Protein backbone atom coordinates (compact mmCIF):
# COMPACT_ATOMS: atom_id res chain seq x y z
CA MET A 1 -84.29 91.28 59.13
CA GLY A 2 -84.40 91.62 55.28
CA ARG A 3 -83.85 89.91 52.15
CA VAL A 4 -81.22 91.79 48.99
CA ARG A 5 -83.96 91.27 45.95
CA GLY A 6 -81.86 92.59 43.27
CA ALA A 7 -80.02 95.77 41.84
CA HIS A 8 -82.29 99.04 40.76
CA GLY A 9 -80.40 101.15 38.33
CA VAL A 10 -77.15 101.51 37.46
CA ARG A 11 -75.68 103.24 40.56
CA GLY A 12 -75.08 100.19 43.07
CA LEU A 13 -78.46 100.42 44.32
CA LEU A 14 -80.12 97.61 46.14
CA ARG A 15 -83.71 96.46 46.47
CA VAL A 16 -84.11 95.03 50.37
CA GLN A 17 -87.48 93.32 51.27
CA PRO A 18 -88.04 94.13 54.77
CA PHE A 19 -89.30 91.10 56.77
CA SER A 20 -90.54 94.22 59.54
CA GLU A 21 -94.13 95.09 60.17
CA GLN A 22 -92.38 99.17 59.27
CA ARG A 23 -90.21 98.62 56.37
CA ASP A 24 -88.55 101.70 57.35
CA THR A 25 -87.03 100.71 60.60
CA LEU A 26 -84.07 98.68 58.75
CA LEU A 27 -83.54 102.75 57.82
CA LEU A 28 -82.53 103.34 61.36
CA PHE A 29 -79.56 100.94 61.63
CA LYS A 30 -76.39 102.56 60.01
CA THR A 31 -74.09 98.93 59.93
CA TRP A 32 -75.86 96.28 58.39
CA MET A 33 -74.80 92.92 58.04
CA LEU A 34 -74.96 90.78 54.78
CA GLY A 35 -74.60 87.34 53.92
CA VAL A 36 -72.32 86.84 51.28
CA GLY A 37 -71.29 83.34 50.10
CA GLY A 38 -72.09 81.38 53.77
CA GLY A 39 -70.32 83.91 55.45
CA TRP A 40 -71.12 87.61 56.83
CA CYS A 41 -70.04 90.81 55.60
CA GLU A 42 -70.61 94.31 57.47
CA VAL A 43 -70.97 97.56 55.60
CA SER A 44 -72.36 101.14 56.51
CA LEU A 45 -75.56 102.25 55.18
CA ILE A 46 -75.43 105.18 52.88
CA SER A 47 -79.03 106.17 52.41
CA GLY A 48 -81.94 104.64 51.99
CA HIS A 49 -85.72 105.02 51.48
CA ALA A 50 -89.04 103.31 50.66
CA HIS A 51 -89.96 102.27 47.50
CA GLY A 52 -93.38 100.83 47.45
CA GLY A 53 -92.93 97.51 49.75
CA GLU A 54 -89.41 97.42 49.52
CA LEU A 55 -86.45 99.73 50.07
CA LEU A 56 -83.92 100.95 48.02
CA VAL A 57 -80.24 101.39 49.59
CA LYS A 58 -77.35 102.27 48.87
CA LEU A 59 -74.24 100.77 50.96
CA ALA A 60 -70.95 101.74 51.02
CA GLY A 61 -68.33 99.42 48.81
CA ILE A 62 -71.04 99.15 46.21
CA GLU A 63 -70.46 101.47 43.40
CA ASP A 64 -72.11 99.68 40.24
CA ARG A 65 -75.34 97.58 39.08
CA ASP A 66 -72.56 94.71 38.44
CA HIS A 67 -71.31 94.69 42.19
CA ALA A 68 -75.11 94.74 43.39
CA GLN A 69 -76.48 92.05 41.27
CA GLN A 70 -73.51 89.63 42.80
CA LEU A 71 -75.24 90.11 46.18
């Protein structure tokens, strides 16, 4: 439903490019599935908001920029 574009800031926020016409739709889902290393990882959405054409989201377990950049 979207693609992680990179990290934002130093607190582990992610920039996400949504594939849906209404970008805020992804924020309605409290559980997200991330494709990581050829597999899938289930994570909880803590918070998020629209920022330009992207979303800035905070996901559980991603606490700093280094971890966010790995995704």
